[in-house]
């Protein structure tokens, strides 16, 4: 049964993840977008928020469970 559970977890990727790359922030399995403009993006997950600040921020990829923010990222904060 553990093998099936591991395989299901791998395939469904239900874990909340934040990947910070050069000029990009990728968030997987978020709940909602609290705020968005070219200088600040707030992404919510349960009782936490991720605040991304910078210049010329753009949503480059938007899916029901994944968002990719690109631009000049200055700060990524977990609140």
PDB file of N, CA and C in Angstrom:
ATOM      1  N   UNK A   1       0.812  -1.202   0.000  1.00  0.00           N
ATOM      2  CA  UNK A   1       0.000   0.000   0.000  1.00  0.00           C
ATOM      3  C   UNK A   1       0.855   1.266   0.000  1.00  0.00           C
ATOM      4  N   UNK A   2       2.015   1.226   0.638  1.00  0.00           N
ATOM      5  CA  UNK A   2       2.884   2.394   0.676  1.00  0.00           C
ATOM      6  C   UNK A   2       3.363   2.762  -0.726  1.00  0.00           C
ATOM      7  N   UNK A   3       3.621   1.764  -1.555  1.00  0.00           N
ATOM      8  CA  UNK A   3       4.061   2.013  -2.925  1.00  0.00           C
ATOM      9  C   UNK A   3       2.990   2.785  -3.704  1.00  0.00           C
ATOM     10  N   UNK A   4       1.750   2.387  -3.542  1.00  0.00           N
ATOM     11  CA  UNK A   4       0.645   3.072  -4.223  1.00  0.00           C
ATOM     12  C   UNK A   4       0.511   4.502  -3.709  1.00  0.00           C
ATOM     13  N   UNK A   5       0.646   4.691  -2.411  1.00  0.00           N
ATOM     14  CA  UNK A   5       0.552   6.030  -1.821  1.00  0.00           C
ATOM     15  C   UNK A   5       1.674   6.932  -2.349  1.00  0.00           C
ATOM     16  N   UNK A   6       2.885   6.395  -2.426  1.00  0.00           N
ATOM     17  CA  UNK A   6       4.019   7.166  -2.943  1.00  0.00           C
ATOM     18  C   UNK A   6       3.822   7.518  -4.411  1.00  0.00           C
ATOM     19  N   UNK A   7       3.350   6.577  -5.189  1.00  0.00           N
ATOM     20  CA  UNK A   7       3.110   6.809  -6.609  1.00  0.00           C
ATOM     21  C   UNK A   7       2.018   7.860  -6.811  1.00  0.00           C
ATOM     22  N   UNK A   8       0.948   7.759  -6.048  1.00  0.00           N
ATOM     23  CA  UNK A   8      -0.148   8.732  -6.134  1.00  0.00           C
ATOM     24  C   UNK A   8       0.343  10.136  -5.771  1.00  0.00           C
ATOM     25  N   UNK A   9       1.126  10.236  -4.713  1.00  0.00           N
ATOM     26  CA  UNK A   9       1.660  11.525  -4.288  1.00  0.00           C
ATOM     27  C   UNK A   9       2.573  12.114  -5.359  1.00  0.00           C
ATOM     28  N   UNK A  10       3.382  11.276  -5.986  1.00  0.00           N
ATOM     29  CA  UNK A  10       4.284  11.731  -7.041  1.00  0.00           C
ATOM     30  C   UNK A  10       3.511  12.219  -8.263  1.00  0.00           C
ATOM     31  N   UNK A  11       2.496  11.475  -8.659  1.00  0.00           N
ATOM     32  CA  UNK A  11       1.735  11.823  -9.853  1.00  0.00           C
ATOM     33  C   UNK A  11       0.845  13.046  -9.648  1.00  0.00           C
ATOM     34  N   UNK A  12       0.218  13.141  -8.489  1.00  0.00           N
ATOM     35  CA  UNK A  12      -0.715  14.233  -8.246  1.00  0.00           C
ATOM     36  C   UNK A  12      -0.022  15.505  -7.765  1.00  0.00           C
ATOM     37  N   UNK A  13       1.159  15.378  -7.196  1.00  0.00           N
ATOM     38  CA  UNK A  13       1.919  16.517  -6.700  1.00  0.00           C
ATOM     39  C   UNK A  13       1.012  17.473  -5.931  1.00  0.00           C
ATOM     40  N   UNK A  14       0.522  17.024  -4.777  1.00  0.00           N
ATOM     41  CA  UNK A  14      -0.404  17.817  -3.996  1.00  0.00           C
ATOM     42  C   UNK A  14       0.267  18.645  -2.908  1.00  0.00           C
ATOM     43  N   UNK A  15       1.574  18.653  -2.876  1.00  0.00           N
ATOM     44  CA  UNK A  15       2.315  19.398  -1.868  1.00  0.00           C
ATOM     45  C   UNK A  15       2.499  20.850  -2.311  1.00  0.00           C
ATOM     46  N   UNK A  16       2.322  21.780  -1.376  1.00  0.00           N
ATOM     47  CA  UNK A  16       2.518  23.202  -1.631  1.00  0.00           C
ATOM     48  C   UNK A  16       4.011  23.464  -1.838  1.00  0.00           C
ATOM     49  N   UNK A  17       4.366  24.107  -2.952  1.00  0.00           N
ATOM     50  CA  UNK A  17       5.775  24.343  -3.268  1.00  0.00           C
ATOM     51  C   UNK A  17       5.981  25.749  -3.802  1.00  0.00           C
ATOM     52  N   UNK A  18       7.123  26.321  -3.427  1.00  0.00           N
ATOM     53  CA  UNK A  18       7.553  27.608  -3.962  1.00  0.00           C
ATOM     54  C   UNK A  18       8.950  27.387  -4.529  1.00  0.00           C
ATOM     55  N   UNK A  19       9.117  27.686  -5.796  1.00  0.00           N
ATOM     56  CA  UNK A  19      10.433  27.583  -6.438  1.00  0.00           C
ATOM     57  C   UNK A  19      10.857  28.984  -6.861  1.00  0.00           C
ATOM     58  N   UNK A  20      11.999  29.417  -6.338  1.00  0.00           N
ATOM     59  CA  UNK A  20      12.524  30.737  -6.671  1.00  0.00           C
ATOM     60  C   UNK A  20      13.688  30.532  -7.629  1.00  0.00           C
ATOM     61  N   UNK A  21      13.523  31.047  -8.833  1.00  0.00           N
ATOM     62  CA  UNK A  21      14.516  30.913  -9.881  1.00  0.00           C
ATOM     63  C   UNK A  21      14.996  32.306 -10.278  1.00  0.00           C
ATOM     64  N   UNK A  22      15.919  32.386 -11.176  1.00  0.00           N
ATOM     65  CA  UNK A  22      16.430  33.678 -11.632  1.00  0.00           C
ATOM     66  C   UNK A  22      15.344  34.440 -12.401  1.00  0.00           C
ATOM     67  N   UNK A  23      14.786  35.468 -11.778  1.00  0.00           N
ATOM     68  CA  UNK A  23      13.760  36.274 -12.421  1.00  0.00           C
ATOM     69  C   UNK A  23      12.389  35.631 -12.488  1.00  0.00           C
ATOM     70  N   UNK A  24      12.187  34.531 -11.764  1.00  0.00           N
ATOM     71  CA  UNK A  24      10.896  33.830 -11.790  1.00  0.00           C
ATOM     72  C   UNK A  24      10.590  33.250 -10.413  1.00  0.00           C
ATOM     73  N   UNK A  25       9.306  33.203 -10.092  1.00  0.00           N
ATOM     74  CA  UNK A  25       8.828  32.516  -8.899  1.00  0.00           C
ATOM     75  C   UNK A  25       7.677  31.619  -9.341  1.00  0.00           C
ATOM     76  N   UNK A  26       7.810  30.336  -9.064  1.00  0.00           N
ATOM     77  CA  UNK A  26       6.796  29.355  -9.427  1.00  0.00           C
ATOM     78  C   UNK A  26       6.151  28.836  -8.143  1.00  0.00           C
ATOM     79  N   UNK A  27       4.829  28.922  -8.052  1.00  0.00           N
ATOM     80  CA  UNK A  27       4.092  28.457  -6.882  1.00  0.00           C
ATOM     81  C   UNK A  27       3.118  27.378  -7.342  1.00  0.00           C
ATOM     82  N   UNK A  28       3.186  26.220  -6.665  1.00  0.00           N
ATOM     83  CA  UNK A  28       2.347  25.076  -7.023  1.00  0.00           C
ATOM     84  C   UNK A  28       1.423  24.754  -5.854  1.00  0.00           C
ATOM     85  N   UNK A  29       0.187  24.459  -6.162  1.00  0.00           N
ATOM     86  CA  UNK A  29      -0.854  24.078  -5.198  1.00  0.00           C
ATOM     87  C   UNK A  29      -1.219  25.214  -4.249  1.00  0.00           C
ATOM     88  N   UNK A  30      -1.490  26.373  -4.820  1.00  0.00           N
ATOM     89  CA  UNK A  30      -1.956  27.519  -4.043  1.00  0.00           C
ATOM     90  C   UNK A  30      -3.486  27.510  -4.008  1.00  0.00           C
ATOM     91  N   UNK A  31      -4.065  28.327  -3.137  1.00  0.00           N
ATOM     92  CA  UNK A  31      -5.526  28.413  -3.028  1.00  0.00           C
ATOM     93  C   UNK A  31      -6.107  29.562  -3.843  1.00  0.00           C
ATOM     94  N   UNK A  32      -5.504  30.756  -3.724  1.00  0.00           N
ATOM     95  CA  UNK A  32      -6.056  31.907  -4.435  1.00  0.00           C
ATOM     96  C   UNK A  32      -4.999  32.988  -4.606  1.00  0.00           C
ATOM     97  N   UNK A  33      -5.321  33.952  -5.474  1.00  0.00           N
ATOM     98  CA  UNK A  33      -4.476  35.129  -5.668  1.00  0.00           C
ATOM     99  C   UNK A  33      -5.157  36.281  -4.940  1.00  0.00           C
ATOM    100  N   UNK A  34      -4.493  36.798  -3.916  1.00  0.00           N
ATOM    101  CA  UNK A  34      -5.084  37.860  -3.099  1.00  0.00           C
ATOM    102  C   UNK A  34      -4.931  39.233  -3.703  1.00  0.00           C
ATOM    103  N   UNK A  35      -3.842  39.466  -4.428  1.00  0.00           N
ATOM    104  CA  UNK A  35      -3.571  40.780  -5.013  1.00  0.00           C
ATOM    105  C   UNK A  35      -2.606  40.592  -6.171  1.00  0.00           C
ATOM    106  N   UNK A  36      -2.787  41.431  -7.197  1.00  0.00           N
ATOM    107  CA  UNK A  36      -1.852  41.381  -8.317  1.00  0.00           C
ATOM    108  C   UNK A  36      -1.758  42.747  -8.978  1.00  0.00           C
ATOM    109  N   UNK A  37      -0.544  43.255  -9.082  1.00  0.00           N
ATOM    110  CA  UNK A  37      -0.236  44.392  -9.944  1.00  0.00           C
ATOM    111  C   UNK A  37       1.218  44.255 -10.385  1.00  0.00           C
ATOM    112  N   UNK A  38       1.744  45.227 -11.087  1.00  0.00           N
ATOM    113  CA  UNK A  38       3.085  45.081 -11.656  1.00  0.00           C
ATOM    114  C   UNK A  38       4.207  45.185 -10.626  1.00  0.00           C
ATOM    115  N   UNK A  39       3.855  45.532  -9.371  1.00  0.00           N
ATOM    116  CA  UNK A  39       4.862  45.654  -8.316  1.00  0.00           C
ATOM    117  C   UNK A  39       4.695  44.666  -7.165  1.00  0.00           C
ATOM    118  N   UNK A  40       3.513  44.065  -7.044  1.00  0.00           N
ATOM    119  CA  UNK A  40       3.273  43.155  -5.919  1.00  0.00           C
ATOM    120  C   UNK A  40       2.264  42.083  -6.307  1.00  0.00           C
ATOM    121  N   UNK A  41       2.565  40.846  -5.901  1.00  0.00           N
ATOM    122  CA  UNK A  41       1.638  39.725  -6.072  1.00  0.00           C
ATOM    123  C   UNK A  41       1.508  39.041  -4.726  1.00  0.00           C
ATOM    124  N   UNK A  42       0.275  38.796  -4.294  1.00  0.00           N
ATOM    125  CA  UNK A  42       0.034  38.052  -3.059  1.00  0.00           C
ATOM    126  C   UNK A  42      -0.712  36.776  -3.423  1.00  0.00           C
ATOM    127  N   UNK A  43      -0.127  35.651  -3.042  1.00  0.00           N
ATOM    128  CA  UNK A  43      -0.701  34.338  -3.315  1.00  0.00           C
ATOM    129  C   UNK A  43      -1.017  33.690  -1.978  1.00  0.00           C
ATOM    130  N   UNK A  44      -2.223  33.156  -1.844  1.00  0.00           N
ATOM    131  CA  UNK A  44      -2.662  32.597  -0.563  1.00  0.00           C
ATOM    132  C   UNK A  44      -2.735  31.077  -0.593  1.00  0.00           C
ATOM    133  N   UNK A  45      -2.371  30.489   0.549  1.00  0.00           N
ATOM    134  CA  UNK A  45      -2.491  29.053   0.781  1.00  0.00           C
ATOM    135  C   UNK A  45      -2.912  28.874   2.222  1.00  0.00           C
ATOM    136  N   UNK A  46      -4.120  28.428   2.433  1.00  0.00           N
ATOM    137  CA  UNK A  46      -4.715  28.250   3.753  1.00  0.00           C
ATOM    138  C   UNK A  46      -4.521  29.513   4.584  1.00  0.00           C
ATOM    139  N   UNK A  47      -3.771  29.468   5.678  1.00  0.00           N
ATOM    140  CA  UNK A  47      -3.591  30.638   6.538  1.00  0.00           C
ATOM    141  C   UNK A  47      -2.329  31.424   6.229  1.00  0.00           C
ATOM    142  N   UNK A  48      -1.592  31.034   5.206  1.00  0.00           N
ATOM    143  CA  UNK A  48      -0.341  31.693   4.843  1.00  0.00           C
ATOM    144  C   UNK A  48      -0.501  32.502   3.565  1.00  0.00           C
ATOM    145  N   UNK A  49       0.402  33.454   3.384  1.00  0.00           N
ATOM    146  CA  UNK A  49       0.452  34.239   2.156  1.00  0.00           C
ATOM    147  C   UNK A  49       1.894  34.352   1.697  1.00  0.00           C
ATOM    148  N   UNK A  50       2.094  34.339   0.395  1.00  0.00           N
ATOM    149  CA  UNK A  50       3.390  34.597  -0.199  1.00  0.00           C
ATOM    150  C   UNK A  50       3.281  35.958  -0.859  1.00  0.00           C
ATOM    151  N   UNK A  51       4.137  36.880  -0.467  1.00  0.00           N
ATOM    152  CA  UNK A  51       4.140  38.224  -1.028  1.00  0.00           C
ATOM    153  C   UNK A  51       5.392  38.358  -1.888  1.00  0.00           C
ATOM    154  N   UNK A  52       5.184  38.595  -3.170  1.00  0.00           N
ATOM    155  CA  UNK A  52       6.272  38.764  -4.123  1.00  0.00           C
ATOM    156  C   UNK A  52       6.270  40.223  -4.544  1.00  0.00           C
ATOM    157  N   UNK A  53       7.394  40.902  -4.332  1.00  0.00           N
ATOM    158  CA  UNK A  53       7.500  42.298  -4.740  1.00  0.00           C
ATOM    159  C   UNK A  53       8.635  42.452  -5.745  1.00  0.00           C
ATOM    160  N   UNK A  54       8.482  43.444  -6.601  1.00  0.00           N
ATOM    161  CA  UNK A  54       9.485  43.694  -7.623  1.00  0.00           C
ATOM    162  C   UNK A  54       8.976  44.695  -8.636  1.00  0.00           C
ATOM    163  N   UNK A  55       9.595  44.684  -9.799  1.00  0.00           N
ATOM    164  CA  UNK A  55       9.218  45.594 -10.884  1.00  0.00           C
ATOM    165  C   UNK A  55       8.817  44.787 -12.110  1.00  0.00           C
ATOM    166  N   UNK A  56       7.832  45.298 -12.822  1.00  0.00           N
ATOM    167  CA  UNK A  56       7.373  44.679 -14.078  1.00  0.00           C
ATOM    168  C   UNK A  56       6.962  43.218 -13.882  1.00  0.00           C
ATOM    169  N   UNK A  57       6.259  42.922 -12.789  1.00  0.00           N
ATOM    170  CA  UNK A  57       5.821  41.552 -12.526  1.00  0.00           C
ATOM    171  C   UNK A  57       4.680  41.174 -13.465  1.00  0.00           C
ATOM    172  N   UNK A  58       4.782  39.982 -14.019  1.00  0.00           N
ATOM    173  CA  UNK A  58       3.812  39.476 -14.987  1.00  0.00           C
ATOM    174  C   UNK A  58       3.497  38.037 -14.636  1.00  0.00           C
ATOM    175  N   UNK A  59       2.226  37.670 -14.768  1.00  0.00           N
ATOM    176  CA  UNK A  59       1.844  36.269 -14.634  1.00  0.00           C
ATOM    177  C   UNK A  59       2.105  35.612 -15.983  1.00  0.00           C
ATOM    178  N   UNK A  60       3.131  34.778 -16.037  1.00  0.00           N
ATOM    179  CA  UNK A  60       3.511  34.121 -17.294  1.00  0.00           C
ATOM    180  C   UNK A  60       2.799  32.799 -17.494  1.00  0.00           C
ATOM    181  N   UNK A  61       2.375  32.193 -16.398  1.00  0.00           N
ATOM    182  CA  UNK A  61       1.670  30.912 -16.466  1.00  0.00           C
ATOM    183  C   UNK A  61       0.633  30.910 -15.359  1.00  0.00           C
ATOM    184  N   UNK A  62      -0.608  30.591 -15.711  1.00  0.00           N
ATOM    185  CA  UNK A  62      -1.680  30.560 -14.727  1.00  0.00           C
ATOM    186  C   UNK A  62      -2.529  29.331 -14.970  1.00  0.00           C
ATOM    187  N   UNK A  63      -2.523  28.442 -13.993  1.00  0.00           N
ATOM    188  CA  UNK A  63      -3.357  27.238 -14.036  1.00  0.00           C
ATOM    189  C   UNK A  63      -4.126  27.174 -12.725  1.00  0.00           C
ATOM    190  N   UNK A  64      -5.026  26.234 -12.600  1.00  0.00           N
ATOM    191  CA  UNK A  64      -5.828  26.142 -11.378  1.00  0.00           C
ATOM    192  C   UNK A  64      -4.985  25.861 -10.149  1.00  0.00           C
ATOM    193  N   UNK A  65      -3.821  25.241 -10.314  1.00  0.00           N
ATOM    194  CA  UNK A  65      -2.994  24.898  -9.156  1.00  0.00           C
ATOM    195  C   UNK A  65      -1.548  25.365  -9.280  1.00  0.00           C
ATOM    196  N   UNK A  66      -1.235  26.166 -10.294  1.00  0.00           N
ATOM    197  CA  UNK A  66       0.136  26.616 -10.491  1.00  0.00           C
ATOM    198  C   UNK A  66       0.155  28.014 -11.101  1.00  0.00           C
ATOM    199  N   UNK A  67       1.097  28.830 -10.610  1.00  0.00           N
ATOM    200  CA  UNK A  67       1.269  30.184 -11.141  1.00  0.00           C
ATOM    201  C   UNK A  67       2.762  30.464 -11.266  1.00  0.00           C
ATOM    202  N   UNK A  68       3.145  31.121 -12.353  1.00  0.00           N
ATOM    203  CA  UNK A  68       4.532  31.508 -12.583  1.00  0.00           C
ATOM    204  C   UNK A  68       4.573  33.020 -12.741  1.00  0.00           C
ATOM    205  N   UNK A  69       5.318  33.678 -11.860  1.00  0.00           N
ATOM    206  CA  UNK A  69       5.486  35.124 -11.877  1.00  0.00           C
ATOM    207  C   UNK A  69       6.872  35.427 -12.426  1.00  0.00           C
ATOM    208  N   UNK A  70       6.957  36.299 -13.420  1.00  0.00           N
ATOM    209  CA  UNK A  70       8.248  36.705 -13.964  1.00  0.00           C
ATOM    210  C   UNK A  70       8.391  38.224 -13.846  1.00  0.00           C
ATOM    211  N   UNK A  71       9.602  38.684 -13.918  1.00  0.00           N
ATOM    212  CA  UNK A  71       9.899  40.102 -13.824  1.00  0.00           C
ATOM    213  C   UNK A  71      11.153  40.297 -12.999  1.00  0.00           C
ATOM    214  N   UNK A  72      11.370  41.522 -12.559  1.00  0.00           N
ATOM    215  CA  UNK A  72      12.517  41.809 -11.696  1.00  0.00           C
ATOM    216  C   UNK A  72      12.086  41.574 -10.250  1.00  0.00           C
ATOM    217  N   UNK A  73      12.339  40.377  -9.752  1.00  0.00           N
ATOM    218  CA  UNK A  73      11.927  39.978  -8.405  1.00  0.00           C
ATOM    219  C   UNK A  73      12.881  40.609  -7.387  1.00  0.00           C
ATOM    220  N   UNK A  74      12.317  41.358  -6.449  1.00  0.00           N
ATOM    221  CA  UNK A  74      13.145  41.974  -5.404  1.00  0.00           C
ATOM    222  C   UNK A  74      13.035  41.230  -4.085  1.00  0.00           C
ATOM    223  N   UNK A  75      11.841  40.697  -3.789  1.00  0.00           N
ATOM    224  CA  UNK A  75      11.636  40.080  -2.487  1.00  0.00           C
ATOM    225  C   UNK A  75      10.533  39.031  -2.577  1.00  0.00           C
ATOM    226  N   UNK A  76      10.724  37.914  -1.874  1.00  0.00           N
ATOM    227  CA  UNK A  76       9.699  36.891  -1.720  1.00  0.00           C
ATOM    228  C   UNK A  76       9.572  36.640  -0.223  1.00  0.00           C
ATOM    229  N   UNK A  77       8.371  36.872   0.299  1.00  0.00           N
ATOM    230  CA  UNK A  77       8.155  36.794   1.744  1.00  0.00           C
ATOM    231  C   UNK A  77       6.990  35.862   2.050  1.00  0.00           C
ATOM    232  N   UNK A  78       7.186  35.006   3.037  1.00  0.00           N
ATOM    233  CA  UNK A  78       6.128  34.122   3.519  1.00  0.00           C
ATOM    234  C   UNK A  78       5.566  34.713   4.786  1.00  0.00           C
ATOM    235  N   UNK A  79       4.256  34.969   4.781  1.00  0.00           N
ATOM    236  CA  UNK A  79       3.604  35.572   5.961  1.00  0.00           C
ATOM    237  C   UNK A  79       2.622  34.611   6.568  1.00  0.00           C
TER     238      UNK A  79
END
